[in-house]
């Protein structure tokens, strides 16, 4: 088993968090058959949080690749 660097593990965590947040808060609004109306603020907050998580993941991955 190959041991990953700590920043790589944290980068993967932020990347997975961005995917989950985007899928549940942004894409989830457009699912058919949703009875409860979701406010626009939930859509925008999900988009902002996804962008923040994705930015953190990319920055950590760049610092990890610079170490190699």
PDB file of N, CA and C in Angstrom:
ATOM      1  N   UNK A   1       0.842  -1.186   0.000  1.00  0.00           N
ATOM      2  CA  UNK A   1       0.000   0.000   0.000  1.00  0.00           C
ATOM      3  C   UNK A   1       0.886   1.248   0.000  1.00  0.00           C
ATOM      4  N   UNK A   2       0.582   2.153  -0.873  1.00  0.00           N
ATOM      5  CA  UNK A   2       1.362   3.378  -0.971  1.00  0.00           C
ATOM      6  C   UNK A   2       0.778   4.411  -0.007  1.00  0.00           C
ATOM      7  N   UNK A   3       1.641   5.012   0.796  1.00  0.00           N
ATOM      8  CA  UNK A   3       1.181   6.049   1.711  1.00  0.00           C
ATOM      9  C   UNK A   3       1.133   7.380   0.972  1.00  0.00           C
ATOM     10  N   UNK A   4       0.017   8.052   1.103  1.00  0.00           N
ATOM     11  CA  UNK A   4      -0.144   9.351   0.461  1.00  0.00           C
ATOM     12  C   UNK A   4       0.346  10.441   1.396  1.00  0.00           C
ATOM     13  N   UNK A   5       0.749  11.528   0.798  1.00  0.00           N
ATOM     14  CA  UNK A   5       1.118  12.701   1.570  1.00  0.00           C
ATOM     15  C   UNK A   5      -0.143  13.292   2.199  1.00  0.00           C
ATOM     16  N   UNK A   6       0.013  13.926   3.343  1.00  0.00           N
ATOM     17  CA  UNK A   6      -1.156  14.478   4.051  1.00  0.00           C
ATOM     18  C   UNK A   6      -1.892  15.510   3.210  1.00  0.00           C
ATOM     19  N   UNK A   7      -1.165  16.338   2.487  1.00  0.00           N
ATOM     20  CA  UNK A   7      -1.837  17.357   1.676  1.00  0.00           C
ATOM     21  C   UNK A   7      -2.616  16.725   0.529  1.00  0.00           C
ATOM     22  N   UNK A   8      -2.157  15.591   0.033  1.00  0.00           N
ATOM     23  CA  UNK A   8      -2.894  14.895  -1.020  1.00  0.00           C
ATOM     24  C   UNK A   8      -4.206  14.320  -0.484  1.00  0.00           C
ATOM     25  N   UNK A   9      -4.174  13.804   0.731  1.00  0.00           N
ATOM     26  CA  UNK A   9      -5.386  13.255   1.344  1.00  0.00           C
ATOM     27  C   UNK A   9      -6.393  14.375   1.605  1.00  0.00           C
ATOM     28  N   UNK A  10      -5.908  15.501   2.112  1.00  0.00           N
ATOM     29  CA  UNK A  10      -6.802  16.633   2.382  1.00  0.00           C
ATOM     30  C   UNK A  10      -7.338  17.205   1.069  1.00  0.00           C
ATOM     31  N   UNK A  11      -6.502  17.233   0.037  1.00  0.00           N
ATOM     32  CA  UNK A  11      -6.945  17.701  -1.276  1.00  0.00           C
ATOM     33  C   UNK A  11      -8.056  16.812  -1.822  1.00  0.00           C
ATOM     34  N   UNK A  12      -7.898  15.500  -1.686  1.00  0.00           N
ATOM     35  CA  UNK A  12      -8.948  14.572  -2.124  1.00  0.00           C
ATOM     36  C   UNK A  12     -10.233  14.775  -1.332  1.00  0.00           C
ATOM     37  N   UNK A  13     -10.106  15.064  -0.043  1.00  0.00           N
ATOM     38  CA  UNK A  13     -11.281  15.322   0.793  1.00  0.00           C
ATOM     39  C   UNK A  13     -12.039  16.556   0.302  1.00  0.00           C
ATOM     40  N   UNK A  14     -11.312  17.641   0.025  1.00  0.00           N
ATOM     41  CA  UNK A  14     -11.963  18.859  -0.449  1.00  0.00           C
ATOM     42  C   UNK A  14     -12.579  18.653  -1.833  1.00  0.00           C
ATOM     43  N   UNK A  15     -11.923  17.881  -2.676  1.00  0.00           N
ATOM     44  CA  UNK A  15     -12.476  17.605  -3.995  1.00  0.00           C
ATOM     45  C   UNK A  15     -13.768  16.798  -3.891  1.00  0.00           C
ATOM     46  N   UNK A  16     -13.773  15.781  -3.031  1.00  0.00           N
ATOM     47  CA  UNK A  16     -14.994  14.998  -2.836  1.00  0.00           C
ATOM     48  C   UNK A  16     -16.100  15.837  -2.202  1.00  0.00           C
ATOM     49  N   UNK A  17     -15.733  16.724  -1.280  1.00  0.00           N
ATOM     50  CA  UNK A  17     -16.730  17.607  -0.656  1.00  0.00           C
ATOM     51  C   UNK A  17     -17.337  18.550  -1.690  1.00  0.00           C
ATOM     52  N   UNK A  18     -16.519  19.040  -2.606  1.00  0.00           N
ATOM     53  CA  UNK A  18     -17.035  19.921  -3.663  1.00  0.00           C
ATOM     54  C   UNK A  18     -18.019  19.172  -4.554  1.00  0.00           C
ATOM     55  N   UNK A  19     -17.702  17.921  -4.877  1.00  0.00           N
ATOM     56  CA  UNK A  19     -18.602  17.130  -5.726  1.00  0.00           C
ATOM     57  C   UNK A  19     -19.920  16.833  -5.015  1.00  0.00           C
ATOM     58  N   UNK A  20     -19.846  16.488  -3.740  1.00  0.00           N
ATOM     59  CA  UNK A  20     -21.070  16.178  -2.985  1.00  0.00           C
ATOM     60  C   UNK A  20     -21.930  17.426  -2.822  1.00  0.00           C
ATOM     61  N   UNK A  21     -21.302  18.546  -2.497  1.00  0.00           N
ATOM     62  CA  UNK A  21     -22.043  19.797  -2.322  1.00  0.00           C
ATOM     63  C   UNK A  21     -22.690  20.231  -3.628  1.00  0.00           C
ATOM     64  N   UNK A  22     -21.948  20.140  -4.703  1.00  0.00           N
ATOM     65  CA  UNK A  22     -22.498  20.535  -6.000  1.00  0.00           C
ATOM     66  C   UNK A  22     -23.662  19.631  -6.386  1.00  0.00           C
ATOM     67  N   UNK A  23     -23.501  18.351  -6.167  1.00  0.00           N
ATOM     68  CA  UNK A  23     -24.551  17.412  -6.531  1.00  0.00           C
ATOM     69  C   UNK A  23     -25.810  17.565  -5.705  1.00  0.00           C
ATOM     70  N   UNK A  24     -25.659  17.828  -4.423  1.00  0.00           N
ATOM     71  CA  UNK A  24     -26.840  17.886  -3.565  1.00  0.00           C
ATOM     72  C   UNK A  24     -27.518  19.250  -3.561  1.00  0.00           C
ATOM     73  N   UNK A  25     -26.749  20.322  -3.570  1.00  0.00           N
ATOM     74  CA  UNK A  25     -27.357  21.648  -3.461  1.00  0.00           C
ATOM     75  C   UNK A  25     -27.612  22.322  -4.804  1.00  0.00           C
ATOM     76  N   UNK A  26     -26.787  22.065  -5.780  1.00  0.00           N
ATOM     77  CA  UNK A  26     -26.943  22.760  -7.057  1.00  0.00           C
ATOM     78  C   UNK A  26     -27.742  21.911  -8.042  1.00  0.00           C
ATOM     79  N   UNK A  27     -27.322  20.687  -8.277  1.00  0.00           N
ATOM     80  CA  UNK A  27     -28.024  19.812  -9.213  1.00  0.00           C
ATOM     81  C   UNK A  27     -29.336  19.321  -8.624  1.00  0.00           C
ATOM     82  N   UNK A  28     -29.385  19.148  -7.310  1.00  0.00           N
ATOM     83  CA  UNK A  28     -30.579  18.644  -6.648  1.00  0.00           C
ATOM     84  C   UNK A  28     -31.797  19.539  -6.808  1.00  0.00           C
ATOM     85  N   UNK A  29     -31.583  20.792  -7.081  1.00  0.00           N
ATOM     86  CA  UNK A  29     -32.699  21.727  -7.268  1.00  0.00           C
ATOM     87  C   UNK A  29     -33.473  21.395  -8.544  1.00  0.00           C
ATOM     88  N   UNK A  30     -32.781  20.878  -9.545  1.00  0.00           N
ATOM     89  CA  UNK A  30     -33.398  20.655 -10.848  1.00  0.00           C
ATOM     90  C   UNK A  30     -34.023  19.271 -10.989  1.00  0.00           C
ATOM     91  N   UNK A  31     -34.091  18.501  -9.912  1.00  0.00           N
ATOM     92  CA  UNK A  31     -34.690  17.172 -10.002  1.00  0.00           C
ATOM     93  C   UNK A  31     -36.205  17.295 -10.151  1.00  0.00           C
ATOM     94  N   UNK A  32     -36.783  16.514 -11.030  1.00  0.00           N
ATOM     95  CA  UNK A  32     -38.239  16.593 -11.206  1.00  0.00           C
ATOM     96  C   UNK A  32     -38.967  15.941 -10.037  1.00  0.00           C
ATOM     97  N   UNK A  33     -40.121  16.422  -9.738  1.00  0.00           N
ATOM     98  CA  UNK A  33     -40.939  15.842  -8.682  1.00  0.00           C
ATOM     99  C   UNK A  33     -40.662  16.395  -7.300  1.00  0.00           C
ATOM    100  N   UNK A  34     -39.869  17.442  -7.214  1.00  0.00           N
ATOM    101  CA  UNK A  34     -39.604  18.048  -5.911  1.00  0.00           C
ATOM    102  C   UNK A  34     -40.797  18.925  -5.553  1.00  0.00           C
ATOM    103  N   UNK A  35     -41.407  18.625  -4.421  1.00  0.00           N
ATOM    104  CA  UNK A  35     -42.615  19.345  -4.020  1.00  0.00           C
ATOM    105  C   UNK A  35     -42.270  20.671  -3.354  1.00  0.00           C
ATOM    106  N   UNK A  36     -41.264  20.646  -2.505  1.00  0.00           N
ATOM    107  CA  UNK A  36     -40.879  21.853  -1.766  1.00  0.00           C
ATOM    108  C   UNK A  36     -40.021  22.735  -2.671  1.00  0.00           C
ATOM    109  N   UNK A  37     -40.389  23.988  -2.761  1.00  0.00           N
ATOM    110  CA  UNK A  37     -39.594  24.920  -3.553  1.00  0.00           C
ATOM    111  C   UNK A  37     -38.339  25.290  -2.778  1.00  0.00           C
ATOM    112  N   UNK A  38     -37.214  25.199  -3.461  1.00  0.00           N
ATOM    113  CA  UNK A  38     -35.935  25.538  -2.847  1.00  0.00           C
ATOM    114  C   UNK A  38     -35.609  26.978  -3.183  1.00  0.00           C
ATOM    115  N   UNK A  39     -35.249  27.769  -2.184  1.00  0.00           N
ATOM    116  CA  UNK A  39     -34.957  29.175  -2.469  1.00  0.00           C
ATOM    117  C   UNK A  39     -33.675  29.335  -3.296  1.00  0.00           C
ATOM    118  N   UNK A  40     -33.599  30.456  -3.957  1.00  0.00           N
ATOM    119  CA  UNK A  40     -32.438  30.771  -4.779  1.00  0.00           C
ATOM    120  C   UNK A  40     -31.169  30.878  -3.941  1.00  0.00           C
ATOM    121  N   UNK A  41     -31.305  31.271  -2.689  1.00  0.00           N
ATOM    122  CA  UNK A  41     -30.123  31.394  -1.817  1.00  0.00           C
ATOM    123  C   UNK A  41     -29.459  30.041  -1.583  1.00  0.00           C
ATOM    124  N   UNK A  42     -30.234  28.967  -1.530  1.00  0.00           N
ATOM    125  CA  UNK A  42     -29.646  27.632  -1.376  1.00  0.00           C
ATOM    126  C   UNK A  42     -28.829  27.270  -2.604  1.00  0.00           C
ATOM    127  N   UNK A  43     -29.342  27.589  -3.774  1.00  0.00           N
ATOM    128  CA  UNK A  43     -28.617  27.339  -5.022  1.00  0.00           C
ATOM    129  C   UNK A  43     -27.306  28.124  -5.053  1.00  0.00           C
ATOM    130  N   UNK A  44     -27.374  29.410  -4.723  1.00  0.00           N
ATOM    131  CA  UNK A  44     -26.177  30.245  -4.771  1.00  0.00           C
ATOM    132  C   UNK A  44     -25.168  29.855  -3.693  1.00  0.00           C
ATOM    133  N   UNK A  45     -25.648  29.542  -2.481  1.00  0.00           N
ATOM    134  CA  UNK A  45     -24.734  29.104  -1.422  1.00  0.00           C
ATOM    135  C   UNK A  45     -24.052  27.793  -1.786  1.00  0.00           C
ATOM    136  N   UNK A  46     -24.776  26.873  -2.390  1.00  0.00           N
ATOM    137  CA  UNK A  46     -24.186  25.620  -2.830  1.00  0.00           C
ATOM    138  C   UNK A  46     -23.129  25.834  -3.893  1.00  0.00           C
ATOM    139  N   UNK A  47     -23.394  26.761  -4.794  1.00  0.00           N
ATOM    140  CA  UNK A  47     -22.427  27.076  -5.832  1.00  0.00           C
ATOM    141  C   UNK A  47     -21.164  27.698  -5.246  1.00  0.00           C
ATOM    142  N   UNK A  48     -21.327  28.616  -4.311  1.00  0.00           N
ATOM    143  CA  UNK A  48     -20.181  29.280  -3.688  1.00  0.00           C
ATOM    144  C   UNK A  48     -19.360  28.285  -2.871  1.00  0.00           C
ATOM    145  N   UNK A  49     -20.014  27.451  -2.091  1.00  0.00           N
ATOM    146  CA  UNK A  49     -19.307  26.467  -1.269  1.00  0.00           C
ATOM    147  C   UNK A  49     -18.565  25.472  -2.160  1.00  0.00           C
ATOM    148  N   UNK A  50     -19.179  25.053  -3.253  1.00  0.00           N
ATOM    149  CA  UNK A  50     -18.512  24.135  -4.179  1.00  0.00           C
ATOM    150  C   UNK A  50     -17.259  24.766  -4.778  1.00  0.00           C
ATOM    151  N   UNK A  51     -17.354  26.035  -5.142  1.00  0.00           N
ATOM    152  CA  UNK A  51     -16.201  26.736  -5.711  1.00  0.00           C
ATOM    153  C   UNK A  51     -15.095  26.870  -4.678  1.00  0.00           C
ATOM    154  N   UNK A  52     -15.451  27.163  -3.437  1.00  0.00           N
ATOM    155  CA  UNK A  52     -14.438  27.279  -2.375  1.00  0.00           C
ATOM    156  C   UNK A  52     -13.734  25.946  -2.150  1.00  0.00           C
ATOM    157  N   UNK A  53     -14.494  24.864  -2.044  1.00  0.00           N
ATOM    158  CA  UNK A  53     -13.894  23.550  -1.846  1.00  0.00           C
ATOM    159  C   UNK A  53     -13.010  23.157  -3.029  1.00  0.00           C
ATOM    160  N   UNK A  54     -13.470  23.442  -4.245  1.00  0.00           N
ATOM    161  CA  UNK A  54     -12.695  23.099  -5.422  1.00  0.00           C
ATOM    162  C   UNK A  54     -11.403  23.913  -5.489  1.00  0.00           C
ATOM    163  N   UNK A  55     -11.469  25.186  -5.127  1.00  0.00           N
ATOM    164  CA  UNK A  55     -10.278  26.030  -5.107  1.00  0.00           C
ATOM    165  C   UNK A  55      -9.264  25.528  -4.091  1.00  0.00           C
ATOM    166  N   UNK A  56      -9.734  25.156  -2.907  1.00  0.00           N
ATOM    167  CA  UNK A  56      -8.832  24.615  -1.892  1.00  0.00           C
ATOM    168  C   UNK A  56      -8.178  23.312  -2.364  1.00  0.00           C
ATOM    169  N   UNK A  57      -8.953  22.461  -3.004  1.00  0.00           N
ATOM    170  CA  UNK A  57      -8.413  21.194  -3.496  1.00  0.00           C
ATOM    171  C   UNK A  57      -7.344  21.426  -4.555  1.00  0.00           C
ATOM    172  N   UNK A  58      -7.579  22.352  -5.463  1.00  0.00           N
ATOM    173  CA  UNK A  58      -6.609  22.631  -6.520  1.00  0.00           C
ATOM    174  C   UNK A  58      -5.332  23.228  -5.940  1.00  0.00           C
ATOM    175  N   UNK A  59      -5.473  24.159  -4.997  1.00  0.00           N
ATOM    176  CA  UNK A  59      -4.283  24.769  -4.386  1.00  0.00           C
ATOM    177  C   UNK A  59      -3.466  23.741  -3.618  1.00  0.00           C
ATOM    178  N   UNK A  60      -4.120  22.860  -2.885  1.00  0.00           N
ATOM    179  CA  UNK A  60      -3.388  21.828  -2.163  1.00  0.00           C
ATOM    180  C   UNK A  60      -2.721  20.841  -3.109  1.00  0.00           C
ATOM    181  N   UNK A  61      -3.380  20.542  -4.216  1.00  0.00           N
ATOM    182  CA  UNK A  61      -2.787  19.612  -5.179  1.00  0.00           C
ATOM    183  C   UNK A  61      -1.579  20.235  -5.861  1.00  0.00           C
ATOM    184  N   UNK A  62      -1.633  21.549  -6.106  1.00  0.00           N
ATOM    185  CA  UNK A  62      -0.483  22.228  -6.715  1.00  0.00           C
ATOM    186  C   UNK A  62       0.706  22.250  -5.758  1.00  0.00           C
ATOM    187  N   UNK A  63       0.453  22.494  -4.485  1.00  0.00           N
ATOM    188  CA  UNK A  63       1.551  22.483  -3.518  1.00  0.00           C
ATOM    189  C   UNK A  63       2.118  21.076  -3.369  1.00  0.00           C
ATOM    190  N   UNK A  64       1.273  20.082  -3.494  1.00  0.00           N
ATOM    191  CA  UNK A  64       1.736  18.703  -3.414  1.00  0.00           C
ATOM    192  C   UNK A  64       2.563  18.339  -4.632  1.00  0.00           C
ATOM    193  N   UNK A  65       2.186  18.807  -5.816  1.00  0.00           N
ATOM    194  CA  UNK A  65       2.942  18.493  -7.023  1.00  0.00           C
ATOM    195  C   UNK A  65       4.263  19.247  -7.074  1.00  0.00           C
ATOM    196  N   UNK A  66       4.344  20.408  -6.410  1.00  0.00           N
ATOM    197  CA  UNK A  66       5.596  21.159  -6.370  1.00  0.00           C
ATOM    198  C   UNK A  66       6.640  20.476  -5.491  1.00  0.00           C
ATOM    199  N   UNK A  67       6.185  19.667  -4.534  1.00  0.00           N
ATOM    200  CA  UNK A  67       7.114  18.956  -3.649  1.00  0.00           C
ATOM    201  C   UNK A  67       7.834  17.832  -4.375  1.00  0.00           C
ATOM    202  N   UNK A  68       7.192  17.307  -5.439  1.00  0.00           N
ATOM    203  CA  UNK A  68       7.788  16.176  -6.150  1.00  0.00           C
ATOM    204  C   UNK A  68       8.908  16.570  -7.025  1.00  0.00           C
TER     205      UNK A  68
END
